[in-house]
């Protein structure tokens, strides 16, 4: 199968949360190179209130009853990348977003305080190769397709902090990573990890097929054979491995050291929400291969919403339409064909194609009439296992004395317990390390999160006092983890202008329109496969979300949007865009 041969993912993925903030409709005219000019450039491209109002129409009488090339439901990275690609192909998609800000889990929010504005990420903070030529990051490919660029700051390392054992510095310099492991766990641990890295790099070196070249129909073969025939052939020896759980490969390699297995479990968990026994080998191979490239680990100046803004600019400049506060109530299906959508406002719009950027469960359970799908398909879809939701904390603290702090940490609270237990592994991002304009001068923002079960939260909706108390209890591991990175955290939070905002699974569910606030589908490698965008059994309907091939997380969602767009154009159109983004050498 094509999916077995080409499965790939990009290095880092992160979850969702809450609110708003984004940037301009102007094309970036030039790319500044020094850090000061990059930040000045980002400031100049902030969206104005008037620009935001242009996106925020509730009703347009000219659109009621209108027909479009493609209607896209949802403006997460999957929806935005689909719209970007479609506009690059010459279509004029209509993208409908339920909320007041585009971006899905990446929309960000702003807190206005006495000392200035604090701009928080709500989801993704790990990115790779956002501004490097011929990048395999699907987000970068979509940006290139519409002629947009996101200034980014590279950083050399992040930390996996085991509170019982110590800190592993995961670096673009692999030798530094191995020295860190040797110091904590001995020479045999470093030797076993080196062997794993060597095998993963070998696989990665043969996975040089970009998302922009992929599609799930027969037209993939002439397209891939034109430019990537040798890559396909060189990948053949690994076809049996790339979609197997990486845990199977580790077992075959006799990787037995518990410290190494825990480090790899942690990295797999950060990528897919599953440990090595459920994460495909291709995902780990891609991560290992990409992050060892100099400057590959990057953070976008202006935060994740800067990527959203750039995609919005490109879509609008090329004629695409984005409507906010436009909640889709139902996908219209006639005789097994998707023909349009009904909005909550009462509007009805028609389209030749409909793309759903909503999750699998939301698409099947809420957007589609029950009778539109075969009962067996619907039942299986709704039984798809899901990754837990999250509890988040957003903090604003004085930055004094934190000049050398590392911006990204994965903290394991108790390594004697399962790292996938809610509250046991905490992700921490301090984005003002790289993009200080996200906070007033002299301040840092901290975004941290951990898994959290959803089921206990709905009963708290109507009791504000109990809900707030539950959030504080669930957030205790977050504070434990941040104290490890910033030991005087409590003292800093006593500053009269410092603050903390907490988000629960209900926050995810509400602001991101996510079924049970989930991160995505927990489809374990070797047990099942993600569907391609066009696999849903309704003609002219495609899914482009994180529960679609190639999997969960930001890079995969972006790839799903690209693939969905590719599947509705011909071979000649597709090759033209490929040659634009990846000029033949």
Protein backbone atom coordinates (compact mmCIF):
# COMPACT_ATOMS: atom_id res chain seq x y z
CA UNK A 1 0.00 0.00 0.00
CA UNK A 2 1.08 3.56 -0.68
CA UNK A 3 0.44 4.46 2.95
CA UNK A 4 2.74 1.67 4.11
CA UNK A 5 5.52 2.90 1.87
CA UNK A 6 5.28 6.59 2.60
CA UNK A 7 4.07 7.02 6.16
CA UNK A 8 5.86 9.95 7.73
CA UNK A 9 5.46 12.54 10.46
CA UNK A 10 7.42 15.58 11.56
CA UNK A 11 9.38 15.88 14.76
CA UNK A 12 7.33 17.60 17.43
CA UNK A 13 3.63 17.82 18.18
CA UNK A 14 1.71 19.49 20.91
CA UNK A 15 -1.85 19.85 22.10
CA UNK A 16 -4.65 22.42 22.28
CA UNK A 17 -6.47 24.95 24.72
CA UNK A 18 -8.34 28.33 24.42
CA UNK A 19 -8.70 31.90 22.99
CA UNK A 20 -7.47 34.59 20.44
CA UNK A 21 -4.79 36.73 18.68
CA UNK A 22 -3.43 36.83 15.13
CA UNK A 23 -1.68 38.88 12.41
CA UNK A 24 -1.77 40.87 9.12
CA UNK A 25 -3.18 40.46 5.62
CA UNK A 26 -0.03 41.87 4.00
CA UNK A 27 2.46 39.73 2.14
CA UNK A 28 5.90 39.78 3.77
CA UNK A 29 8.01 41.74 1.27
CA UNK A 30 11.43 40.59 2.44
CA UNK A 31 12.98 38.36 5.03
CA UNK A 32 15.05 40.09 7.72
CA UNK A 33 17.97 38.04 8.99
CA UNK A 34 19.25 39.47 12.25
CA UNK A 35 17.19 38.77 15.36
CA UNK A 36 16.34 42.40 16.19
CA UNK A 37 15.00 43.04 12.69
CA UNK A 38 13.05 39.78 12.75
CA UNK A 39 11.19 40.91 15.87
CA UNK A 40 10.60 44.40 14.42
CA UNK A 41 9.30 42.78 11.24
CA UNK A 42 6.90 40.57 13.21
CA UNK A 43 5.54 43.60 15.10
CA UNK A 44 4.83 45.44 11.84
CA UNK A 45 2.70 42.55 10.60
CA UNK A 46 0.26 42.34 13.52
CA UNK A 47 -3.34 42.31 12.35
CA UNK A 48 -5.31 45.45 13.07
CA UNK A 49 -8.82 45.51 14.52
CA UNK A 50 -10.24 46.55 11.15
CA UNK A 51 -8.55 43.59 9.45
CA UNK A 52 -9.99 41.25 12.05
CA UNK A 53 -13.51 42.62 11.49
CA UNK A 54 -13.19 41.83 7.79
CA UNK A 55 -12.75 38.17 8.73
CA UNK A 56 -15.46 38.18 11.39
CA UNK A 57 -18.66 38.40 9.31
CA UNK A 58 -21.61 36.57 10.78
CA UNK A 59 -23.79 36.82 7.67
CA UNK A 60 -23.27 37.74 4.05
CA UNK A 61 -26.47 37.76 1.96
CA UNK A 62 -24.40 37.28 -1.21
CA UNK A 63 -23.11 33.95 0.09
CA UNK A 64 -26.51 32.54 1.06
CA UNK A 65 -27.45 29.96 -1.56
CA UNK A 66 -24.14 30.44 -3.36
CA UNK A 67 -22.04 27.66 -4.88
CA UNK A 68 -18.30 27.29 -4.30
CA UNK A 69 -15.46 25.15 -5.58
CA UNK A 70 -14.73 23.87 -2.08
CA UNK A 71 -16.18 24.59 1.35
CA UNK A 72 -13.81 23.85 4.24
CA UNK A 73 -15.22 23.39 7.73
CA UNK A 74 -12.74 24.57 10.36
CA UNK A 75 -9.56 26.65 10.25
CA UNK A 76 -7.12 24.44 12.14
CA UNK A 77 -3.83 23.73 10.41
CA UNK A 78 -5.49 21.01 8.32
CA UNK A 79 -8.18 23.39 7.07
CA UNK A 80 -5.79 26.29 6.53
CA UNK A 81 -3.26 24.16 4.64
CA UNK A 82 -6.03 22.71 2.48
CA UNK A 83 -7.25 26.24 1.70
CA UNK A 84 -3.72 27.44 0.99
CA UNK A 85 -3.08 24.61 -1.45
CA UNK A 86 -6.45 25.07 -3.15
CA UNK A 87 -5.79 28.77 -3.72
CA UNK A 88 -2.35 27.89 -5.08
CA UNK A 89 -4.12 25.58 -7.53
CA UNK A 90 -6.36 28.45 -8.63
CA UNK A 91 -9.50 27.54 -6.69
CA UNK A 92 -11.40 29.98 -4.47
CA UNK A 93 -12.28 27.96 -1.36
CA UNK A 94 -14.68 29.22 1.29
CA UNK A 95 -13.34 28.42 4.75
CA UNK A 96 -15.92 28.55 7.56
CA UNK A 97 -14.71 28.87 11.17
CA UNK A 98 -17.07 28.64 14.12
CA UNK A 99 -14.96 30.84 16.41
CA UNK A 100 -13.83 34.45 16.30
CA UNK A 101 -10.22 33.62 15.44
CA UNK A 102 -8.67 31.25 12.89
CA UNK A 103 -6.10 28.62 13.79
CA UNK A 104 -7.90 25.88 15.68
CA UNK A 105 -5.68 24.74 18.53
CA UNK A 106 -3.01 27.21 17.38
CA UNK A 107 -5.14 30.36 17.57
CA UNK A 108 -3.51 31.75 20.74
CA UNK A 109 -4.92 34.34 23.12
CA UNK A 110 -3.90 37.67 24.59
CA UNK A 111 -4.09 38.87 28.19
CA UNK A 112 -4.07 42.65 28.56
CA UNK A 113 -2.37 43.60 31.82
CA UNK A 114 -1.14 46.78 33.46
CA UNK A 115 2.42 46.18 32.29
CA UNK A 116 1.40 45.34 28.70
CA UNK A 117 0.01 42.55 26.55
CA UNK A 118 0.87 38.87 27.03
CA UNK A 119 0.42 36.67 23.94
CA UNK A 120 0.04 32.98 24.75
CA UNK A 121 0.21 29.90 22.58
CA UNK A 122 -2.76 27.64 23.11
CA UNK A 123 -1.33 24.54 21.54
CA UNK A 124 1.69 23.86 19.34
CA UNK A 125 5.07 25.14 20.44
CA UNK A 126 7.49 22.57 18.97
CA UNK A 127 8.27 23.21 15.31
CA UNK A 128 10.96 22.13 12.91
CA UNK A 129 12.37 23.59 9.68
CA UNK A 130 9.85 26.42 9.34
CA UNK A 131 12.13 28.63 7.27
CA UNK A 132 14.67 26.31 5.70
CA UNK A 133 14.72 25.67 1.92
CA UNK A 134 13.22 22.37 0.69
CA UNK A 135 11.87 21.65 4.15
CA UNK A 136 9.98 18.41 4.73
CA UNK A 137 7.73 20.19 7.22
CA UNK A 138 4.24 20.18 5.63
CA UNK A 139 3.46 23.59 7.16
CA UNK A 140 6.45 25.07 5.35
CA UNK A 141 5.34 23.48 2.09
CA UNK A 142 1.85 25.01 2.37
CA UNK A 143 3.40 28.39 3.17
CA UNK A 144 5.71 28.11 0.16
CA UNK A 145 2.77 27.24 -2.08
CA UNK A 146 1.18 30.63 -1.32
CA UNK A 147 4.44 32.58 -1.17
CA UNK A 148 4.50 33.19 2.58
CA UNK A 149 7.31 33.04 5.12
CA UNK A 150 7.38 32.88 8.91
CA UNK A 151 10.53 34.30 10.56
CA UNK A 152 11.78 31.79 13.12
CA UNK A 153 14.50 31.47 15.75
CA UNK A 154 16.56 28.28 15.91
CA UNK A 155 17.60 26.70 19.19
CA UNK A 156 20.03 23.81 19.72
CA UNK A 157 18.39 21.65 22.38
CA UNK A 158 15.56 20.84 24.75
CA UNK A 159 15.49 18.83 27.96
CA UNK A 160 13.89 15.63 29.16
CA UNK A 161 13.92 16.04 32.94
CA UNK A 162 13.47 12.89 35.02
CA UNK A 163 12.92 14.18 38.55
CA UNK A 164 14.35 10.97 40.04
CA UNK A 165 17.35 10.44 37.78
CA UNK A 166 18.34 13.71 36.14
CA UNK A 167 18.19 15.67 32.90
CA UNK A 168 18.94 14.49 29.38
CA UNK A 169 19.82 17.30 27.00
CA UNK A 170 18.36 16.36 23.62
CA UNK A 171 20.46 18.25 21.10
CA UNK A 172 20.77 18.73 17.37
CA UNK A 173 24.34 17.59 18.14
CA UNK A 174 23.74 13.88 18.69
CA UNK A 175 27.04 13.41 20.53
CA UNK A 176 25.92 15.90 23.14
CA UNK A 177 22.72 13.91 23.67
CA UNK A 178 24.68 10.67 24.04
CA UNK A 179 27.11 12.25 26.51
CA UNK A 180 24.13 13.34 28.58
CA UNK A 181 22.76 9.78 28.58
CA UNK A 182 26.18 8.31 29.40
CA UNK A 183 26.54 10.62 32.38
CA UNK A 184 23.19 9.55 33.85
CA UNK A 185 22.90 5.89 32.84
CA UNK A 186 26.31 4.63 31.75
CA UNK A 187 28.16 3.61 28.61
CA UNK A 188 25.86 0.70 27.71
CA UNK A 189 22.81 2.98 27.71
CA UNK A 190 24.58 5.45 25.42
CA UNK A 191 25.70 2.60 23.15
CA UNK A 192 22.17 1.22 22.80
CA UNK A 193 20.72 4.66 22.08
CA UNK A 194 23.41 5.31 19.45
CA UNK A 195 22.45 2.07 17.68
CA UNK A 196 18.80 3.15 17.66
CA UNK A 197 19.69 6.57 16.28
CA UNK A 198 21.84 4.98 13.54
CA UNK A 199 18.98 2.75 12.36
CA UNK A 200 16.43 5.58 12.51
CA UNK A 201 18.71 7.84 10.46
CA UNK A 202 19.11 5.14 7.82
CA UNK A 203 15.34 4.90 7.50
CA UNK A 204 14.95 8.69 7.47
CA UNK A 205 17.50 9.12 4.70
CA UNK A 206 15.20 7.13 2.42
CA UNK A 207 12.01 8.98 3.39
CA UNK A 208 12.71 12.12 1.41
CA UNK A 209 9.23 12.32 -0.13
CA UNK A 210 7.44 15.57 0.82
CA UNK A 211 3.79 15.76 1.83
CA UNK A 212 3.10 18.05 -1.10
CA UNK A 213 3.74 15.11 -3.45
CA UNK A 214 1.29 12.76 -1.74
CA UNK A 215 -2.28 11.84 -2.56
CA UNK A 216 -4.39 8.76 -1.85
CA UNK A 217 -5.49 7.88 -5.38
CA UNK A 218 -3.92 6.19 -8.43
CA UNK A 219 -2.47 9.51 -9.61
CA UNK A 220 0.12 9.29 -6.83
CA UNK A 221 2.16 6.74 -8.77
CA UNK A 222 2.95 8.76 -11.91
CA UNK A 223 3.64 11.82 -9.74
CA UNK A 224 5.99 10.02 -7.38
CA UNK A 225 7.73 8.09 -10.13
CA UNK A 226 8.57 11.34 -11.95
CA UNK A 227 10.60 12.83 -9.11
CA UNK A 228 11.01 10.25 -6.36
CA UNK A 229 11.34 6.86 -8.05
CA UNK A 230 14.78 6.23 -6.54
CA UNK A 231 13.54 7.21 -3.08
CA UNK A 232 10.70 4.74 -3.42
CA UNK A 233 13.09 1.98 -4.45
CA UNK A 234 15.55 2.74 -1.67
CA UNK A 235 12.71 2.67 0.85
CA UNK A 236 11.60 -0.82 -0.17
CA UNK A 237 13.94 -2.64 2.26
CA UNK A 238 12.31 -0.69 5.11
CA UNK A 239 8.67 -1.01 4.04
CA UNK A 240 8.13 -3.79 6.56
CA UNK A 241 9.46 -1.55 9.33
CA UNK A 242 8.18 1.97 8.75
CA UNK A 243 4.58 1.30 9.75
CA UNK A 244 5.35 -1.22 12.48
CA UNK A 245 5.51 -0.05 16.10
CA UNK A 246 9.01 1.21 16.80
CA UNK A 247 8.87 -0.99 19.90
CA UNK A 248 9.07 -4.03 17.60
CA UNK A 249 12.26 -2.65 16.07
CA UNK A 250 13.74 -1.99 19.51
CA UNK A 251 12.94 -5.54 20.56
CA UNK A 252 14.59 -6.94 17.43
CA UNK A 253 17.65 -4.78 18.14
CA UNK A 254 17.73 -6.08 21.72
CA UNK A 255 17.40 -2.62 23.23
CA UNK A 256 16.95 -3.61 26.85
CA UNK A 257 18.31 -0.76 28.97
CA UNK A 258 15.35 0.63 30.97
CA UNK A 259 16.65 4.21 30.81
CA UNK A 260 16.94 4.11 27.02
CA UNK A 261 13.51 2.52 26.68
CA UNK A 262 12.03 5.24 28.90
CA UNK A 263 13.70 8.04 26.92
CA UNK A 264 12.38 6.60 23.66
CA UNK A 265 8.94 6.01 25.19
CA UNK A 266 8.91 9.66 26.25
CA UNK A 267 9.86 10.92 22.79
CA UNK A 268 7.25 8.69 21.16
CA UNK A 269 4.65 9.86 23.67
CA UNK A 270 5.39 13.52 22.93
CA UNK A 271 4.90 12.83 19.22
CA UNK A 272 1.86 10.62 19.10
CA UNK A 273 0.37 10.37 22.59
CA UNK A 274 1.41 6.70 22.54
CA UNK A 275 4.59 4.98 23.71
CA UNK A 276 6.94 2.99 21.48
CA UNK A 277 4.60 0.00 21.44
CA UNK A 278 1.99 2.09 19.60
CA UNK A 279 4.03 4.66 17.63
CA UNK A 280 5.04 3.90 14.05
CA UNK A 281 8.75 3.60 13.33
CA UNK A 282 8.53 6.23 10.58
CA UNK A 283 7.54 8.85 13.12
CA UNK A 284 10.60 8.28 15.30
CA UNK A 285 12.86 7.99 12.25
CA UNK A 286 11.64 11.31 10.90
CA UNK A 287 12.12 13.01 14.25
CA UNK A 288 15.67 11.69 14.70
CA UNK A 289 16.67 12.51 11.14
CA UNK A 290 15.22 16.01 11.03
CA UNK A 291 16.31 17.37 14.37
CA UNK A 292 19.98 16.56 13.83
CA UNK A 293 20.07 19.05 10.96
CA UNK A 294 21.73 22.31 12.11
CA UNK A 295 19.13 24.93 13.02
CA UNK A 296 16.21 22.58 12.41
CA UNK A 297 14.52 23.04 15.81
CA UNK A 298 12.76 26.39 15.55
CA UNK A 299 10.21 28.64 17.18
CA UNK A 300 8.18 31.11 15.07
CA UNK A 301 8.62 34.76 16.00
CA UNK A 302 5.23 35.88 17.28
CA UNK A 303 4.25 32.39 18.40
CA UNK A 304 2.26 29.65 16.70
CA UNK A 305 -0.39 32.16 15.66
CA UNK A 306 2.21 33.79 13.38
CA UNK A 307 1.99 30.66 11.22
CA UNK A 308 -1.80 30.97 11.21
CA UNK A 309 -1.52 34.61 10.16
CA UNK A 310 0.84 33.80 7.30
CA UNK A 311 -1.50 31.13 5.96
CA UNK A 312 -4.46 33.52 6.26
CA UNK A 313 -2.53 36.19 4.31
CA UNK A 314 -1.66 33.76 1.55
CA UNK A 315 -5.19 32.38 1.27
CA UNK A 316 -6.79 35.82 1.09
CA UNK A 317 -4.24 37.27 -1.29
CA UNK A 318 -4.92 34.47 -3.75
CA UNK A 319 -8.69 34.88 -3.58
CA UNK A 320 -9.76 32.47 -0.87
CA UNK A 321 -12.54 33.51 1.53
CA UNK A 322 -12.33 33.04 5.30
CA UNK A 323 -15.43 33.60 7.42
CA UNK A 324 -15.29 33.58 11.20
CA UNK A 325 -18.22 33.15 13.61
CA UNK A 326 -19.77 30.90 10.97
CA UNK A 327 -20.79 27.69 12.69
CA UNK A 328 -21.57 24.79 10.36
CA UNK A 329 -24.54 22.83 11.64
CA UNK A 330 -24.72 20.08 9.03
CA UNK A 331 -23.04 18.74 5.91
CA UNK A 332 -25.63 18.34 3.16
CA UNK A 333 -25.61 14.90 1.55
CA UNK A 334 -27.78 13.95 -1.43
CA UNK A 335 -27.72 10.42 -2.87
CA UNK A 336 -24.36 9.71 -1.24
CA UNK A 337 -22.75 12.94 -2.44
CA UNK A 338 -21.69 15.90 -0.26
CA UNK A 339 -23.23 18.98 -1.87
CA UNK A 340 -22.88 21.78 0.70
CA UNK A 341 -23.47 22.87 4.28
CA UNK A 342 -26.12 24.39 6.52
CA UNK A 343 -24.98 27.05 8.99
CA UNK A 344 -26.38 27.73 12.43
CA UNK A 345 -27.35 31.19 11.13
CA UNK A 346 -29.79 29.57 8.72
CA UNK A 347 -27.62 30.08 5.66
CA UNK A 348 -27.24 27.27 3.15
CA UNK A 349 -24.25 27.09 0.82
CA UNK A 350 -23.36 24.62 -1.90
CA UNK A 351 -20.04 23.28 -3.09
CA UNK A 352 -18.49 20.86 -5.55
CA UNK A 353 -16.40 19.50 -2.68
CA UNK A 354 -16.68 19.69 1.11
CA UNK A 355 -13.64 19.28 3.40
CA UNK A 356 -14.05 18.66 7.13
CA UNK A 357 -11.25 19.85 9.39
CA UNK A 358 -13.30 18.67 12.37
CA UNK A 359 -12.22 15.53 14.20
CA UNK A 360 -13.41 12.10 13.12
CA UNK A 361 -15.94 11.89 15.96
CA UNK A 362 -17.30 15.40 15.42
CA UNK A 363 -17.60 14.88 11.67
CA UNK A 364 -19.36 11.53 11.94
CA UNK A 365 -21.48 12.20 15.02
CA UNK A 366 -22.49 15.84 14.60
CA UNK A 367 -21.88 17.13 11.08
CA UNK A 368 -23.19 14.20 9.06
CA UNK A 369 -26.74 12.83 9.16
CA UNK A 370 -26.64 9.34 10.69
CA UNK A 371 -28.22 7.84 7.58
CA UNK A 372 -25.53 9.31 5.31
CA UNK A 373 -22.97 6.68 6.32
CA UNK A 374 -23.05 2.88 6.29
CA UNK A 375 -23.86 1.77 9.84
CA UNK A 376 -20.73 -0.40 10.09
CA UNK A 377 -18.48 2.51 9.09
CA UNK A 378 -20.19 4.88 11.50
CA UNK A 379 -19.98 2.40 14.37
CA UNK A 380 -16.27 1.74 13.80
CA UNK A 381 -15.51 5.46 13.48
CA UNK A 382 -17.22 6.32 16.76
CA UNK A 383 -15.39 3.47 18.50
CA UNK A 384 -11.98 4.77 17.43
CA UNK A 385 -9.87 5.10 20.60
CA UNK A 386 -8.79 8.60 21.52
CA UNK A 387 -5.87 10.21 23.29
CA UNK A 388 -6.81 11.87 26.57
CA UNK A 389 -7.46 15.57 26.85
CA UNK A 390 -5.24 18.02 28.75
CA UNK A 391 -5.01 20.42 31.62
CA UNK A 392 -2.96 23.54 30.84
CA UNK A 393 -1.43 26.40 32.78
CA UNK A 394 -0.46 29.75 31.27
CA UNK A 395 1.77 31.84 33.54
CA UNK A 396 3.24 35.33 33.41
CA UNK A 397 6.29 35.72 35.67
CA UNK A 398 9.15 38.22 36.09
CA UNK A 399 12.09 37.21 33.87
CA UNK A 400 14.89 38.59 36.04
CA UNK A 401 17.65 36.03 36.57
CA UNK A 402 16.39 33.63 33.88
CA UNK A 403 18.63 34.77 31.04
CA UNK A 404 20.06 31.30 30.35
CA UNK A 405 16.90 29.25 30.78
CA UNK A 406 16.17 26.53 28.21
CA UNK A 407 12.82 27.09 26.52
CA UNK A 408 11.45 23.56 26.16
CA UNK A 409 11.26 20.79 28.75
CA UNK A 410 9.51 17.43 29.08
CA UNK A 411 9.37 16.62 32.78
CA UNK A 412 8.76 13.09 34.08
CA UNK A 413 7.42 13.40 37.62
CA UNK A 414 7.84 9.74 38.68
CA UNK A 415 9.75 7.47 36.31
CA UNK A 416 8.71 4.41 38.33
CA UNK A 417 5.19 4.96 37.01
CA UNK A 418 3.81 4.86 33.48
CA UNK A 419 4.84 8.06 31.68
CA UNK A 420 1.43 8.08 29.94
CA UNK A 421 -0.49 8.42 33.20
CA UNK A 422 -2.27 11.79 33.46
CA UNK A 423 -0.09 14.17 35.44
CA UNK A 424 3.12 12.15 35.14
CA UNK A 425 4.65 13.75 32.05
CA UNK A 426 4.50 17.53 31.72
CA UNK A 427 5.46 19.58 28.69
CA UNK A 428 6.80 23.07 29.35
CA UNK A 429 7.33 25.85 26.83
CA UNK A 430 8.80 29.27 27.65
CA UNK A 431 8.44 30.94 24.24
CA UNK A 432 9.69 34.35 25.35
CA UNK A 433 13.16 32.77 25.35
CA UNK A 434 13.01 33.07 21.53
CA UNK A 435 10.25 35.62 20.92
CA UNK A 436 10.46 38.21 23.72
CA UNK A 437 7.81 40.42 22.08
CA UNK A 438 5.18 37.94 23.29
CA UNK A 439 5.38 39.63 26.71
CA UNK A 440 6.25 43.07 28.09
CA UNK A 441 9.93 43.75 28.67
CA UNK A 442 11.22 41.97 31.77
CA UNK A 443 8.59 39.20 31.70
CA UNK A 444 8.42 35.57 30.64
CA UNK A 445 5.38 33.55 29.72
CA UNK A 446 5.18 29.85 30.53
CA UNK A 447 2.83 27.37 28.87
CA UNK A 448 2.66 23.87 30.34
CA UNK A 449 0.29 20.94 30.04
CA UNK A 450 -0.25 17.30 30.90
CA UNK A 451 -2.78 14.63 30.01
CA UNK A 452 -6.07 14.65 31.88
CA UNK A 453 -9.07 12.30 31.79
CA UNK A 454 -12.21 13.93 30.40
CA UNK A 455 -15.01 11.91 31.98
CA UNK A 456 -15.09 13.53 35.43
CA UNK A 457 -15.34 17.08 34.06
CA UNK A 458 -18.82 17.40 32.47
CA UNK A 459 -20.51 17.07 35.88
CA UNK A 460 -18.63 20.20 37.01
CA UNK A 461 -20.02 22.49 34.31
CA UNK A 462 -22.72 24.03 36.50
CA UNK A 463 -20.74 24.34 39.72
CA UNK A 464 -18.14 27.05 39.26
CA UNK A 465 -16.60 26.62 42.71
CA UNK A 466 -16.09 22.87 42.30
CA UNK A 467 -14.82 23.38 38.76
CA UNK A 468 -12.16 25.88 39.84
CA UNK A 469 -11.08 23.61 42.69
CA UNK A 470 -10.82 20.65 40.30
CA UNK A 471 -8.66 22.69 37.91
CA UNK A 472 -6.27 23.59 40.72
CA UNK A 473 -5.96 19.95 41.81
CA UNK A 474 -5.40 18.76 38.26
CA UNK A 475 -2.77 21.46 37.71
CA UNK A 476 -0.62 20.47 40.71
CA UNK A 477 1.76 18.35 38.57
CA UNK A 478 2.23 21.35 36.28
CA UNK A 479 3.50 23.48 39.13
CA UNK A 480 5.73 20.63 40.35
CA UNK A 481 7.29 20.38 36.90
CA UNK A 482 7.80 24.13 36.43
CA UNK A 483 9.36 24.40 39.89
CA UNK A 484 11.99 21.93 38.72
CA UNK A 485 12.89 24.28 35.85
CA UNK A 486 12.34 27.53 37.80
CA UNK A 487 12.97 26.71 41.48
CA UNK A 488 11.75 30.10 42.77
CA UNK A 489 8.50 29.92 40.77
CA UNK A 490 6.28 30.49 43.83
CA UNK A 491 8.18 33.63 44.75
CA UNK A 492 7.88 34.95 41.21
CA UNK A 493 4.14 34.28 41.21
CA UNK A 494 3.81 36.46 44.31
CA UNK A 495 4.70 39.50 42.20
CA UNK A 496 1.61 41.73 42.12
CA UNK A 497 1.48 41.67 38.30
CA UNK A 498 2.13 37.93 37.87
CA UNK A 499 -0.79 35.66 37.01
CA UNK A 500 -1.80 32.09 36.15
CA UNK A 501 -4.65 30.93 33.91
CA UNK A 502 -5.74 27.29 33.88
CA UNK A 503 -7.46 25.34 31.12
CA UNK A 504 -9.28 22.03 31.55
CA UNK A 505 -10.59 19.35 29.15
CA UNK A 506 -13.80 21.39 29.04
CA UNK A 507 -11.75 24.34 27.77
CA UNK A 508 -10.45 22.16 24.95
CA UNK A 509 -13.88 20.86 24.15
CA UNK A 510 -15.46 24.31 24.05
CA UNK A 511 -12.87 26.48 22.34
CA UNK A 512 -11.53 23.89 19.93
CA UNK A 513 -14.79 22.07 19.15
CA UNK A 514 -13.00 18.85 20.05
CA UNK A 515 -14.92 15.72 20.97
CA UNK A 516 -14.22 15.20 24.69
CA UNK A 517 -11.38 17.70 24.34
CA UNK A 518 -9.23 14.96 22.82
CA UNK A 519 -5.77 15.43 21.36
CA UNK A 520 -6.58 13.00 18.55
CA UNK A 521 -7.05 9.39 17.57
CA UNK A 522 -5.06 6.80 19.54
CA UNK A 523 -4.62 4.45 16.59
CA UNK A 524 -1.79 2.12 17.59
CA UNK A 525 0.71 1.12 14.92
CA UNK A 526 0.30 -2.45 13.77
CA UNK A 527 -3.32 -2.64 14.95
CA UNK A 528 -5.08 -0.25 12.60
CA UNK A 529 -4.36 2.51 10.10
CA UNK A 530 -5.38 6.14 9.70
CA UNK A 531 -7.76 6.76 6.80
CA UNK A 532 -6.72 8.88 3.86
CA UNK A 533 -8.69 12.12 3.41
CA UNK A 534 -10.93 10.64 0.72
CA UNK A 535 -11.65 7.31 2.40
CA UNK A 536 -14.89 8.39 4.05
CA UNK A 537 -17.65 6.69 2.00
CA UNK A 538 -19.37 9.88 0.80
CA UNK A 539 -18.49 11.23 -2.62
CA UNK A 540 -16.90 14.71 -2.76
CA UNK A 541 -16.33 14.75 1.02
CA UNK A 542 -12.80 14.71 2.42
CA UNK A 543 -11.48 14.82 5.95
CA UNK A 544 -8.37 16.90 6.68
CA UNK A 545 -7.87 16.66 10.42
CA UNK A 546 -5.56 14.96 12.89
CA UNK A 547 -7.63 11.77 12.80
CA UNK A 548 -6.70 11.33 9.13
CA UNK A 549 -3.54 9.97 7.47
CA UNK A 550 -0.75 10.47 8.30
CA UNK A 551 -1.78 10.80 11.97
CA UNK A 552 -2.19 13.11 14.93
CA UNK A 553 -0.27 16.27 15.67
CA UNK A 554 0.45 19.50 13.83
CA UNK A 555 2.66 18.28 10.97
CA UNK A 556 0.28 15.44 10.22
CA UNK A 557 -2.78 17.70 10.28
CA UNK A 558 -1.03 20.04 7.85
CA UNK A 559 -0.15 17.08 5.63
CA UNK A 560 -3.77 15.87 5.68
CA UNK A 561 -4.92 19.28 4.41
CA UNK A 562 -2.33 19.25 1.64
CA UNK A 563 -3.23 15.71 0.59
CA UNK A 564 -6.96 16.49 0.54
CA UNK A 565 -6.36 19.44 -1.78
CA UNK A 566 -4.03 17.41 -4.01
CA UNK A 567 -6.69 14.75 -4.48
CA UNK A 568 -9.11 17.05 -6.32
CA UNK A 569 -6.66 18.32 -8.95
CA UNK A 570 -5.17 16.66 -12.01
CA UNK A 571 -1.65 15.34 -12.44
CA UNK A 572 -0.42 18.35 -14.44
CA UNK A 573 -1.67 20.87 -11.85
CA UNK A 574 -0.19 18.83 -9.04
CA UNK A 575 3.23 18.55 -10.68
CA UNK A 576 3.30 22.30 -11.33
CA UNK A 577 2.91 23.09 -7.61
CA UNK A 578 5.46 20.44 -6.64
CA UNK A 579 7.99 22.01 -9.00
CA UNK A 580 7.26 25.45 -7.52
CA UNK A 581 7.85 24.35 -3.93
CA UNK A 582 10.58 21.78 -4.71
CA UNK A 583 12.29 23.02 -7.89
CA UNK A 584 14.06 20.17 -9.72
CA UNK A 585 17.78 20.11 -9.02
